[in-house]
Amino acid sequence: MENAVYWNGRQVGIESAGRILWFTSAPQEAIAAYGRPQVDNGALVADPVIARNLLKTAP
């Protein structure tokens, strides 16, 4: 279920499954007030083959 995210009486995003999807018009103050999303790097650490392939550069 989605919930609207409001800042100063104006809808600036949608919260779903614990994550906020910000509208492009959302002010930076609103994003900072709700906190930055945490980046999950678990896939890179858990699978060294994927990490190695992502880090390869073309010759």
PDB file of N, CA and C in Angstrom:
ATOM      1  N   MET A   1       0.834  -1.171   0.000  1.00  0.00           N
ATOM      2  CA  MET A   1       0.000   0.000   0.000  1.00  0.00           C
ATOM      3  C   MET A   1       0.884   1.241   0.000  1.00  0.00           C
ATOM      4  N   GLU A   2       0.518   2.204  -0.811  1.00  0.00           N
ATOM      5  CA  GLU A   2       1.282   3.439  -0.920  1.00  0.00           C
ATOM      6  C   GLU A   2       0.735   4.508   0.013  1.00  0.00           C
ATOM      7  N   ASN A   3       1.614   5.378   0.449  1.00  0.00           N
ATOM      8  CA  ASN A   3       1.244   6.533   1.260  1.00  0.00           C
ATOM      9  C   ASN A   3       1.857   7.768   0.632  1.00  0.00           C
ATOM     10  N   ALA A   4       1.115   8.848   0.657  1.00  0.00           N
ATOM     11  CA  ALA A   4       1.629  10.105   0.133  1.00  0.00           C
ATOM     12  C   ALA A   4       2.613  10.707   1.134  1.00  0.00           C
ATOM     13  N   VAL A   5       3.641  11.358   0.614  1.00  0.00           N
ATOM     14  CA  VAL A   5       4.624  12.062   1.434  1.00  0.00           C
ATOM     15  C   VAL A   5       4.417  13.550   1.188  1.00  0.00           C
ATOM     16  N   TYR A   6       4.180  14.287   2.263  1.00  0.00           N
ATOM     17  CA  TYR A   6       3.893  15.722   2.155  1.00  0.00           C
ATOM     18  C   TYR A   6       5.005  16.545   2.789  1.00  0.00           C
ATOM     19  N   TRP A   7       5.235  17.727   2.220  1.00  0.00           N
ATOM     20  CA  TRP A   7       6.181  18.688   2.774  1.00  0.00           C
ATOM     21  C   TRP A   7       5.542  20.066   2.636  1.00  0.00           C
ATOM     22  N   ASN A   8       5.333  20.723   3.764  1.00  0.00           N
ATOM     23  CA  ASN A   8       4.702  22.051   3.790  1.00  0.00           C
ATOM     24  C   ASN A   8       3.364  22.063   3.046  1.00  0.00           C
ATOM     25  N   GLY A   9       2.559  21.034   3.244  1.00  0.00           N
ATOM     26  CA  GLY A   9       1.235  20.980   2.659  1.00  0.00           C
ATOM     27  C   GLY A   9       1.180  20.576   1.198  1.00  0.00           C
ATOM     28  N   ARG A  10       2.299  20.180   0.623  1.00  0.00           N
ATOM     29  CA  ARG A  10       2.351  19.793  -0.787  1.00  0.00           C
ATOM     30  C   ARG A  10       2.889  18.368  -0.904  1.00  0.00           C
ATOM     31  N   GLN A  11       2.255  17.547  -1.741  1.00  0.00           N
ATOM     32  CA  GLN A  11       2.736  16.184  -1.919  1.00  0.00           C
ATOM     33  C   GLN A  11       4.031  16.213  -2.714  1.00  0.00           C
ATOM     34  N   VAL A  12       5.080  15.584  -2.151  1.00  0.00           N
ATOM     35  CA  VAL A  12       6.392  15.597  -2.793  1.00  0.00           C
ATOM     36  C   VAL A  12       6.902  14.202  -3.133  1.00  0.00           C
ATOM     37  N   GLY A  13       6.156  13.164  -2.753  1.00  0.00           N
ATOM     38  CA  GLY A  13       6.594  11.810  -3.052  1.00  0.00           C
ATOM     39  C   GLY A  13       5.577  10.777  -2.623  1.00  0.00           C
ATOM     40  N   ILE A  14       5.942   9.516  -2.860  1.00  0.00           N
ATOM     41  CA  ILE A  14       5.089   8.384  -2.499  1.00  0.00           C
ATOM     42  C   ILE A  14       5.954   7.370  -1.761  1.00  0.00           C
ATOM     43  N   GLU A  15       5.463   6.923  -0.600  1.00  0.00           N
ATOM     44  CA  GLU A  15       6.161   5.911   0.185  1.00  0.00           C
ATOM     45  C   GLU A  15       5.511   4.568  -0.081  1.00  0.00           C
ATOM     46  N   SER A  16       6.322   3.584  -0.422  1.00  0.00           N
ATOM     47  CA  SER A  16       5.824   2.239  -0.664  1.00  0.00           C
ATOM     48  C   SER A  16       6.891   1.245  -0.223  1.00  0.00           C
ATOM     49  N   ALA A  17       6.499   0.275   0.557  1.00  0.00           N
ATOM     50  CA  ALA A  17       7.404  -0.775   1.037  1.00  0.00           C
ATOM     51  C   ALA A  17       8.634  -0.197   1.736  1.00  0.00           C
ATOM     52  N   GLY A  18       8.438   0.865   2.496  1.00  0.00           N
ATOM     53  CA  GLY A  18       9.528   1.443   3.266  1.00  0.00           C
ATOM     54  C   GLY A  18      10.459   2.346   2.480  1.00  0.00           C
ATOM     55  N   ARG A  19      10.177   2.564   1.197  1.00  0.00           N
ATOM     56  CA  ARG A  19      11.014   3.438   0.376  1.00  0.00           C
ATOM     57  C   ARG A  19      10.189   4.612  -0.109  1.00  0.00           C
ATOM     58  N   ILE A  20      10.827   5.744  -0.266  1.00  0.00           N
ATOM     59  CA  ILE A  20      10.142   6.940  -0.751  1.00  0.00           C
ATOM     60  C   ILE A  20      10.578   7.203  -2.184  1.00  0.00           C
ATOM     61  N   LEU A  21       9.610   7.309  -3.071  1.00  0.00           N
ATOM     62  CA  LEU A  21       9.863   7.697  -4.452  1.00  0.00           C
ATOM     63  C   LEU A  21       9.570   9.187  -4.542  1.00  0.00           C
ATOM     64  N   TRP A  22      10.602   9.983  -4.726  1.00  0.00           N
ATOM     65  CA  TRP A  22      10.472  11.438  -4.718  1.00  0.00           C
ATOM     66  C   TRP A  22      10.055  11.935  -6.082  1.00  0.00           C
ATOM     67  N   PHE A  23       9.171  12.915  -6.102  1.00  0.00           N
ATOM     68  CA  PHE A  23       8.824  13.604  -7.339  1.00  0.00           C
ATOM     69  C   PHE A  23      10.007  14.477  -7.732  1.00  0.00           C
ATOM     70  N   THR A  24      10.161  14.737  -9.022  1.00  0.00           N
ATOM     71  CA  THR A  24      11.274  15.578  -9.467  1.00  0.00           C
ATOM     72  C   THR A  24      11.153  16.998  -8.928  1.00  0.00           C
ATOM     73  N   SER A  25       9.946  17.413  -8.581  1.00  0.00           N
ATOM     74  CA  SER A  25       9.738  18.762  -8.055  1.00  0.00           C
ATOM     75  C   SER A  25       9.961  18.851  -6.544  1.00  0.00           C
ATOM     76  N   ALA A  26      10.299  17.739  -5.904  1.00  0.00           N
ATOM     77  CA  ALA A  26      10.493  17.744  -4.451  1.00  0.00           C
ATOM     78  C   ALA A  26      11.703  18.595  -4.077  1.00  0.00           C
ATOM     79  N   PRO A  27      11.534  19.524  -3.129  1.00  0.00           N
ATOM     80  CA  PRO A  27      12.677  20.345  -2.714  1.00  0.00           C
ATOM     81  C   PRO A  27      13.708  19.509  -1.949  1.00  0.00           C
ATOM     82  N   GLN A  28      14.954  19.910  -2.066  1.00  0.00           N
ATOM     83  CA  GLN A  28      16.030  19.197  -1.385  1.00  0.00           C
ATOM     84  C   GLN A  28      15.853  19.199   0.132  1.00  0.00           C
ATOM     85  N   GLU A  29      15.205  20.235   0.667  1.00  0.00           N
ATOM     86  CA  GLU A  29      14.970  20.291   2.116  1.00  0.00           C
ATOM     87  C   GLU A  29      14.072  19.143   2.561  1.00  0.00           C
ATOM     88  N   ALA A  30      13.077  18.806   1.758  1.00  0.00           N
ATOM     89  CA  ALA A  30      12.171  17.707   2.097  1.00  0.00           C
ATOM     90  C   ALA A  30      12.911  16.379   2.075  1.00  0.00           C
ATOM     91  N   ILE A  31      13.724  16.184   1.056  1.00  0.00           N
ATOM     92  CA  ILE A  31      14.485  14.936   0.948  1.00  0.00           C
ATOM     93  C   ILE A  31      15.448  14.803   2.113  1.00  0.00           C
ATOM     94  N   ALA A  32      16.102  15.894   2.463  1.00  0.00           N
ATOM     95  CA  ALA A  32      17.040  15.867   3.589  1.00  0.00           C
ATOM     96  C   ALA A  32      16.314  15.615   4.906  1.00  0.00           C
ATOM     97  N   ALA A  33      15.111  16.165   5.058  1.00  0.00           N
ATOM     98  CA  ALA A  33      14.363  15.995   6.304  1.00  0.00           C
ATOM     99  C   ALA A  33      13.945  14.541   6.517  1.00  0.00           C
ATOM    100  N   TYR A  34      13.608  13.855   5.456  1.00  0.00           N
ATOM    101  CA  TYR A  34      13.205  12.453   5.580  1.00  0.00           C
ATOM    102  C   TYR A  34      14.399  11.516   5.590  1.00  0.00           C
ATOM    103  N   GLY A  35      15.552  12.019   5.248  1.00  0.00           N
ATOM    104  CA  GLY A  35      16.764  11.202   5.243  1.00  0.00           C
ATOM    105  C   GLY A  35      17.020  10.594   3.881  1.00  0.00           C
ATOM    106  N   ARG A  36      18.275  10.401   3.588  1.00  0.00           N
ATOM    107  CA  ARG A  36      18.685   9.797   2.321  1.00  0.00           C
ATOM    108  C   ARG A  36      18.452   8.293   2.374  1.00  0.00           C
ATOM    109  N   PRO A  37      18.087   7.699   1.237  1.00  0.00           N
ATOM    110  CA  PRO A  37      17.928   6.237   1.225  1.00  0.00           C
ATOM    111  C   PRO A  37      19.273   5.552   1.405  1.00  0.00           C
ATOM    112  N   GLN A  38      19.260   4.407   2.073  1.00  0.00           N
ATOM    113  CA  GLN A  38      20.482   3.653   2.276  1.00  0.00           C
ATOM    114  C   GLN A  38      20.748   2.797   1.048  1.00  0.00           C
ATOM    115  N   VAL A  39      21.990   2.797   0.607  1.00  0.00           N
ATOM    116  CA  VAL A  39      22.372   2.015  -0.559  1.00  0.00           C
ATOM    117  C   VAL A  39      22.701   0.614  -0.098  1.00  0.00           C
ATOM    118  N   ASP A  40      22.126  -0.374  -0.761  1.00  0.00           N
ATOM    119  CA  ASP A  40      22.366  -1.767  -0.412  1.00  0.00           C
ATOM    120  C   ASP A  40      23.408  -2.347  -1.357  1.00  0.00           C
ATOM    121  N   ASN A  41      24.619  -2.559  -0.848  1.00  0.00           N
ATOM    122  CA  ASN A  41      25.687  -3.148  -1.652  1.00  0.00           C
ATOM    123  C   ASN A  41      25.833  -4.639  -1.368  1.00  0.00           C
ATOM    124  N   GLY A  42      24.828  -5.268  -0.790  1.00  0.00           N
ATOM    125  CA  GLY A  42      24.888  -6.673  -0.430  1.00  0.00           C
ATOM    126  C   GLY A  42      25.129  -7.586  -1.609  1.00  0.00           C
ATOM    127  N   ALA A  43      24.559  -7.266  -2.765  1.00  0.00           N
ATOM    128  CA  ALA A  43      24.718  -8.120  -3.941  1.00  0.00           C
ATOM    129  C   ALA A  43      26.169  -8.165  -4.387  1.00  0.00           C
ATOM    130  N   LEU A  44      26.869  -7.034  -4.303  1.00  0.00           N
ATOM    131  CA  LEU A  44      28.262  -7.014  -4.734  1.00  0.00           C
ATOM    132  C   LEU A  44      29.155  -7.806  -3.797  1.00  0.00           C
ATOM    133  N   VAL A  45      28.854  -7.762  -2.526  1.00  0.00           N
ATOM    134  CA  VAL A  45      29.665  -8.482  -1.552  1.00  0.00           C
ATOM    135  C   VAL A  45      29.318  -9.965  -1.560  1.00  0.00           C
ATOM    136  N   ALA A  46      28.055 -10.297  -1.740  1.00  0.00           N
ATOM    137  CA  ALA A  46      27.614 -11.673  -1.651  1.00  0.00           C
ATOM    138  C   ALA A  46      28.006 -12.490  -2.869  1.00  0.00           C
ATOM    139  N   ASP A  47      28.183 -11.872  -4.030  1.00  0.00           N
ATOM    140  CA  ASP A  47      28.486 -12.617  -5.243  1.00  0.00           C
ATOM    141  C   ASP A  47      29.746 -12.056  -5.894  1.00  0.00           C
ATOM    142  N   PRO A  48      30.916 -12.662  -5.619  1.00  0.00           N
ATOM    143  CA  PRO A  48      32.168 -12.114  -6.140  1.00  0.00           C
ATOM    144  C   PRO A  48      32.257 -12.165  -7.667  1.00  0.00           C
ATOM    145  N   VAL A  49      31.553 -13.101  -8.306  1.00  0.00           N
ATOM    146  CA  VAL A  49      31.583 -13.179  -9.771  1.00  0.00           C
ATOM    147  C   VAL A  49      30.917 -11.943 -10.371  1.00  0.00           C
ATOM    148  N   ILE A  50      29.770 -11.554  -9.812  1.00  0.00           N
ATOM    149  CA  ILE A  50      29.096 -10.349 -10.298  1.00  0.00           C
ATOM    150  C   ILE A  50      29.975  -9.135 -10.045  1.00  0.00           C
ATOM    151  N   ALA A  51      30.570  -9.060  -8.879  1.00  0.00           N
ATOM    152  CA  ALA A  51      31.425  -7.928  -8.554  1.00  0.00           C
ATOM    153  C   ALA A  51      32.608  -7.862  -9.508  1.00  0.00           C
ATOM    154  N   ARG A  52      33.217  -8.992  -9.799  1.00  0.00           N
ATOM    155  CA  ARG A  52      34.361  -9.013 -10.711  1.00  0.00           C
ATOM    156  C   ARG A  52      33.942  -8.571 -12.110  1.00  0.00           C
ATOM    157  N   ASN A  53      32.780  -9.044 -12.598  1.00  0.00           N
ATOM    158  CA  ASN A  53      32.324  -8.678 -13.932  1.00  0.00           C
ATOM    159  C   ASN A  53      31.952  -7.204 -14.015  1.00  0.00           C
ATOM    160  N   LEU A  54      31.424  -6.652 -12.951  1.00  0.00           N
ATOM    161  CA  LEU A  54      31.063  -5.254 -12.958  1.00  0.00           C
ATOM    162  C   LEU A  54      32.284  -4.343 -12.942  1.00  0.00           C
ATOM    163  N   LEU A  55      33.376  -4.835 -12.391  1.00  0.00           N
ATOM    164  CA  LEU A  55      34.572  -4.008 -12.256  1.00  0.00           C
ATOM    165  C   LEU A  55      35.522  -4.136 -13.429  1.00  0.00           C
ATOM    166  N   LYS A  56      35.261  -5.051 -14.373  1.00  0.00           N
ATOM    167  CA  LYS A  56      36.142  -5.215 -15.526  1.00  0.00           C
ATOM    168  C   LYS A  56      36.046  -4.022 -16.445  1.00  0.00           C
ATOM    169  N   THR A  57      37.173  -3.650 -17.010  1.00  0.00           N
ATOM    170  CA  THR A  57      37.176  -2.570 -17.989  1.00  0.00           C
ATOM    171  C   THR A  57      37.581  -3.129 -19.355  1.00  0.00           C
ATOM    172  N   ALA A  58      37.141  -2.485 -20.392  1.00  0.00           N
ATOM    173  CA  ALA A  58      37.484  -2.936 -21.748  1.00  0.00           C
ATOM    174  C   ALA A  58      38.961  -2.671 -22.015  1.00  0.00           C
ATOM    175  N   PRO A  59      39.634  -3.557 -22.755  1.00  0.00           N
ATOM    176  CA  PRO A  59      41.061  -3.349 -23.067  1.00  0.00           C
ATOM    177  C   PRO A  59      41.289  -2.191 -24.020  1.00  0.00           C
TER     178      PRO A  59
END
